Amino acid sequence: MKGFLLALIDPTYAKKGAQVAVVVGTLLFAINHGTALVKGKMSTGRWLSVLMTYAVPYAVNIHGRYSHCDHNRYR
């Protein structure tokens, strides 16, 4: 677990993770919250959900790459 947490902030993984998060997160944001945004009905809870909409693809991308690559370097 410690290795994965370190991988989350490793520049080797972070750049691609951020790119994936922007693309996938924006698509999911539009699908899940687009109507509420247009109608001006974005509550605090929805904005917190938006943060997760971007954070989850980032973490999943990092996890996949970390699991596939040389994660032993963090041990």
N, C-alpha and C. Protein backbone atom coordinates (compact mmCIF):
# COMPACT_ATOMS: atom_id res chain seq x y z
N MET A 1 0.82 -1.20 0.00
CA MET A 1 0.00 0.00 0.00
C MET A 1 0.87 1.26 0.00
N LYS A 2 1.94 1.22 0.80
CA LYS A 2 2.83 2.39 0.87
C LYS A 2 3.40 2.71 -0.51
N GLY A 3 3.78 1.66 -1.25
CA GLY A 3 4.33 1.87 -2.57
C GLY A 3 3.34 2.53 -3.51
N PHE A 4 2.09 2.10 -3.45
CA PHE A 4 1.06 2.70 -4.30
C PHE A 4 0.86 4.17 -3.94
N LEU A 5 0.84 4.47 -2.65
CA LEU A 5 0.66 5.87 -2.22
C LEU A 5 1.83 6.73 -2.70
N LEU A 6 3.03 6.18 -2.67
CA LEU A 6 4.17 6.92 -3.20
C LEU A 6 4.07 7.09 -4.72
N ALA A 7 3.55 6.07 -5.38
CA ALA A 7 3.38 6.15 -6.84
C ALA A 7 2.39 7.25 -7.23
N LEU A 8 1.43 7.55 -6.36
CA LEU A 8 0.45 8.60 -6.66
C LEU A 8 1.09 9.97 -6.87
N ILE A 9 2.24 10.18 -6.26
CA ILE A 9 2.90 11.49 -6.39
C ILE A 9 4.21 11.40 -7.17
N ASP A 10 4.52 10.23 -7.68
CA ASP A 10 5.73 10.04 -8.48
C ASP A 10 5.54 10.71 -9.85
N PRO A 11 6.44 11.64 -10.22
CA PRO A 11 6.30 12.32 -11.51
C PRO A 11 6.27 11.38 -12.70
N THR A 12 6.91 10.21 -12.56
CA THR A 12 6.92 9.23 -13.64
C THR A 12 5.49 8.78 -13.97
N TYR A 13 4.68 8.62 -12.94
CA TYR A 13 3.30 8.18 -13.12
C TYR A 13 2.31 9.35 -13.19
N ALA A 14 2.60 10.41 -12.47
CA ALA A 14 1.63 11.50 -12.29
C ALA A 14 1.25 12.21 -13.59
N LYS A 15 2.20 12.43 -14.48
CA LYS A 15 1.89 13.17 -15.70
C LYS A 15 0.84 12.46 -16.53
N LYS A 16 1.05 11.18 -16.80
CA LYS A 16 0.07 10.43 -17.59
C LYS A 16 -1.23 10.26 -16.81
N GLY A 17 -1.13 10.06 -15.51
CA GLY A 17 -2.33 9.94 -14.67
C GLY A 17 -3.18 11.20 -14.74
N ALA A 18 -2.53 12.36 -14.73
CA ALA A 18 -3.25 13.63 -14.81
C ALA A 18 -3.91 13.79 -16.18
N GLN A 19 -3.21 13.38 -17.23
CA GLN A 19 -3.79 13.47 -18.57
C GLN A 19 -5.04 12.60 -18.68
N VAL A 20 -4.95 11.39 -18.17
CA VAL A 20 -6.10 10.48 -18.20
C VAL A 20 -7.24 11.06 -17.36
N ALA A 21 -6.91 11.58 -16.18
CA ALA A 21 -7.94 12.15 -15.30
C ALA A 21 -8.67 13.31 -15.96
N VAL A 22 -7.95 14.15 -16.67
CA VAL A 22 -8.59 15.29 -17.34
C VAL A 22 -9.56 14.81 -18.42
N VAL A 23 -9.12 13.88 -19.24
CA VAL A 23 -9.97 13.41 -20.34
C VAL A 23 -11.17 12.62 -19.80
N VAL A 24 -10.90 11.59 -19.01
CA VAL A 24 -11.97 10.73 -18.51
C VAL A 24 -12.85 11.50 -17.52
N GLY A 25 -12.22 12.28 -16.64
CA GLY A 25 -12.98 13.05 -15.66
C GLY A 25 -13.91 14.06 -16.31
N THR A 26 -13.45 14.72 -17.35
CA THR A 26 -14.29 15.70 -18.04
C THR A 26 -15.46 15.03 -18.73
N LEU A 27 -15.22 13.90 -19.34
CA LEU A 27 -16.30 13.15 -19.97
C LEU A 27 -17.33 12.72 -18.92
N LEU A 28 -16.87 12.17 -17.81
CA LEU A 28 -17.78 11.74 -16.74
C LEU A 28 -18.49 12.94 -16.11
N PHE A 29 -17.78 14.05 -15.97
CA PHE A 29 -18.40 15.26 -15.43
C PHE A 29 -19.57 15.71 -16.31
N ALA A 30 -19.33 15.72 -17.62
CA ALA A 30 -20.39 16.14 -18.55
C ALA A 30 -21.59 15.20 -18.47
N ILE A 31 -21.32 13.91 -18.40
CA ILE A 31 -22.41 12.93 -18.33
C ILE A 31 -23.17 13.04 -17.01
N ASN A 32 -22.44 13.10 -15.91
CA ASN A 32 -23.08 13.03 -14.59
C ASN A 32 -23.57 14.36 -14.05
N HIS A 33 -22.94 15.46 -14.43
CA HIS A 33 -23.26 16.75 -13.81
C HIS A 33 -23.56 17.86 -14.81
N GLY A 34 -23.48 17.57 -16.09
CA GLY A 34 -23.67 18.59 -17.10
C GLY A 34 -25.00 19.31 -17.00
N THR A 35 -26.07 18.56 -16.84
CA THR A 35 -27.40 19.17 -16.74
C THR A 35 -27.50 20.07 -15.53
N ALA A 36 -27.01 19.59 -14.38
CA ALA A 36 -27.06 20.39 -13.16
C ALA A 36 -26.23 21.66 -13.31
N LEU A 37 -25.10 21.57 -13.98
CA LEU A 37 -24.26 22.75 -14.19
C LEU A 37 -24.98 23.77 -15.06
N VAL A 38 -25.56 23.31 -16.15
CA VAL A 38 -26.27 24.21 -17.07
C VAL A 38 -27.46 24.86 -16.37
N LYS A 39 -28.15 24.10 -15.53
CA LYS A 39 -29.33 24.62 -14.83
C LYS A 39 -28.98 25.41 -13.57
N GLY A 40 -27.68 25.49 -13.25
CA GLY A 40 -27.26 26.23 -12.07
C GLY A 40 -27.63 25.54 -10.77
N LYS A 41 -27.66 24.21 -10.77
CA LYS A 41 -28.06 23.45 -9.59
C LYS A 41 -26.91 22.63 -9.02
N MET A 42 -25.73 23.18 -9.07
CA MET A 42 -24.57 22.49 -8.52
C MET A 42 -24.46 22.78 -7.02
N SER A 43 -24.76 21.80 -6.22
CA SER A 43 -24.67 21.93 -4.76
C SER A 43 -23.25 21.60 -4.30
N THR A 44 -23.01 21.83 -3.04
CA THR A 44 -21.71 21.48 -2.47
C THR A 44 -21.44 19.99 -2.62
N GLY A 45 -22.46 19.18 -2.40
CA GLY A 45 -22.32 17.74 -2.56
C GLY A 45 -21.95 17.34 -3.98
N ARG A 46 -22.54 18.03 -4.94
CA ARG A 46 -22.20 17.74 -6.35
C ARG A 46 -20.76 18.13 -6.64
N TRP A 47 -20.30 19.25 -6.12
CA TRP A 47 -18.92 19.66 -6.37
C TRP A 47 -17.94 18.69 -5.73
N LEU A 48 -18.29 18.14 -4.58
CA LEU A 48 -17.44 17.11 -3.97
C LEU A 48 -17.41 15.87 -4.85
N SER A 49 -18.55 15.55 -5.43
CA SER A 49 -18.62 14.42 -6.36
C SER A 49 -17.77 14.68 -7.60
N VAL A 50 -17.72 15.92 -8.03
CA VAL A 50 -16.88 16.29 -9.19
C VAL A 50 -15.41 16.02 -8.86
N LEU A 51 -14.99 16.35 -7.66
CA LEU A 51 -13.61 16.07 -7.26
C LEU A 51 -13.30 14.58 -7.39
N MET A 52 -14.24 13.75 -6.95
CA MET A 52 -14.06 12.30 -7.06
C MET A 52 -14.08 11.86 -8.52
N THR A 53 -14.86 12.56 -9.34
CA THR A 53 -14.95 12.23 -10.76
C THR A 53 -13.59 12.34 -11.43
N TYR A 54 -12.77 13.24 -10.96
CA TYR A 54 -11.42 13.39 -11.49
C TYR A 54 -10.39 12.54 -10.72
N ALA A 55 -10.57 12.41 -9.42
CA ALA A 55 -9.61 11.67 -8.60
C ALA A 55 -9.60 10.17 -8.89
N VAL A 56 -10.77 9.60 -9.13
CA VAL A 56 -10.84 8.15 -9.34
C VAL A 56 -10.11 7.73 -10.63
N PRO A 57 -10.34 8.37 -11.78
CA PRO A 57 -9.57 7.95 -12.96
C PRO A 57 -8.06 8.12 -12.77
N TYR A 58 -7.66 9.15 -12.05
CA TYR A 58 -6.24 9.36 -11.76
C TYR A 58 -5.69 8.17 -10.97
N ALA A 59 -6.37 7.84 -9.88
CA ALA A 59 -5.91 6.75 -9.02
C ALA A 59 -5.93 5.40 -9.74
N VAL A 60 -6.95 5.16 -10.54
CA VAL A 60 -7.05 3.90 -11.27
C VAL A 60 -5.91 3.79 -12.29
N ASN A 61 -5.62 4.88 -12.98
CA ASN A 61 -4.52 4.87 -13.95
C ASN A 61 -3.19 4.59 -13.25
N ILE A 62 -2.95 5.27 -12.14
CA ILE A 62 -1.71 5.07 -11.40
C ILE A 62 -1.64 3.62 -10.90
N HIS A 63 -2.73 3.12 -10.38
CA HIS A 63 -2.74 1.75 -9.86
C HIS A 63 -2.42 0.74 -10.96
N GLY A 64 -3.02 0.92 -12.12
CA GLY A 64 -2.76 0.01 -13.23
C GLY A 64 -1.31 0.04 -13.67
N ARG A 65 -0.78 1.22 -13.77
CA ARG A 65 0.62 1.35 -14.20
C ARG A 65 1.56 0.86 -13.11
N TYR A 66 1.25 1.17 -11.86
CA TYR A 66 2.07 0.72 -10.74
C TYR A 66 2.06 -0.81 -10.65
N SER A 67 0.90 -1.41 -10.81
CA SER A 67 0.79 -2.87 -10.74
C SER A 67 1.53 -3.55 -11.87
N HIS A 68 1.54 -2.92 -13.03
CA HIS A 68 2.17 -3.51 -14.20
C HIS A 68 3.69 -3.29 -14.21
N CYS A 69 4.13 -2.17 -13.70
CA CYS A 69 5.56 -1.80 -13.79
C CYS A 69 6.34 -2.28 -12.59
N ASP A 70 7.47 -1.69 -12.40
CA ASP A 70 8.40 -2.12 -11.35
C ASP A 70 8.05 -1.53 -10.00
N HIS A 71 6.94 -1.97 -9.41
CA HIS A 71 6.53 -1.43 -8.13
C HIS A 71 7.46 -1.85 -7.00
N ASN A 72 8.37 -2.73 -7.26
CA ASN A 72 9.32 -3.13 -6.22
C ASN A 72 10.27 -2.00 -5.83
N ARG A 73 10.38 -0.99 -6.65
CA ARG A 73 11.31 0.10 -6.33
C ARG A 73 10.83 0.93 -5.14
N TYR A 74 9.57 0.78 -4.73
CA TYR A 74 9.03 1.52 -3.59
C TYR A 74 9.12 0.72 -2.29
N ARG A 75 9.63 -0.48 -2.34
CA ARG A 75 9.67 -1.32 -1.12
C ARG A 75 10.93 -1.10 -0.36
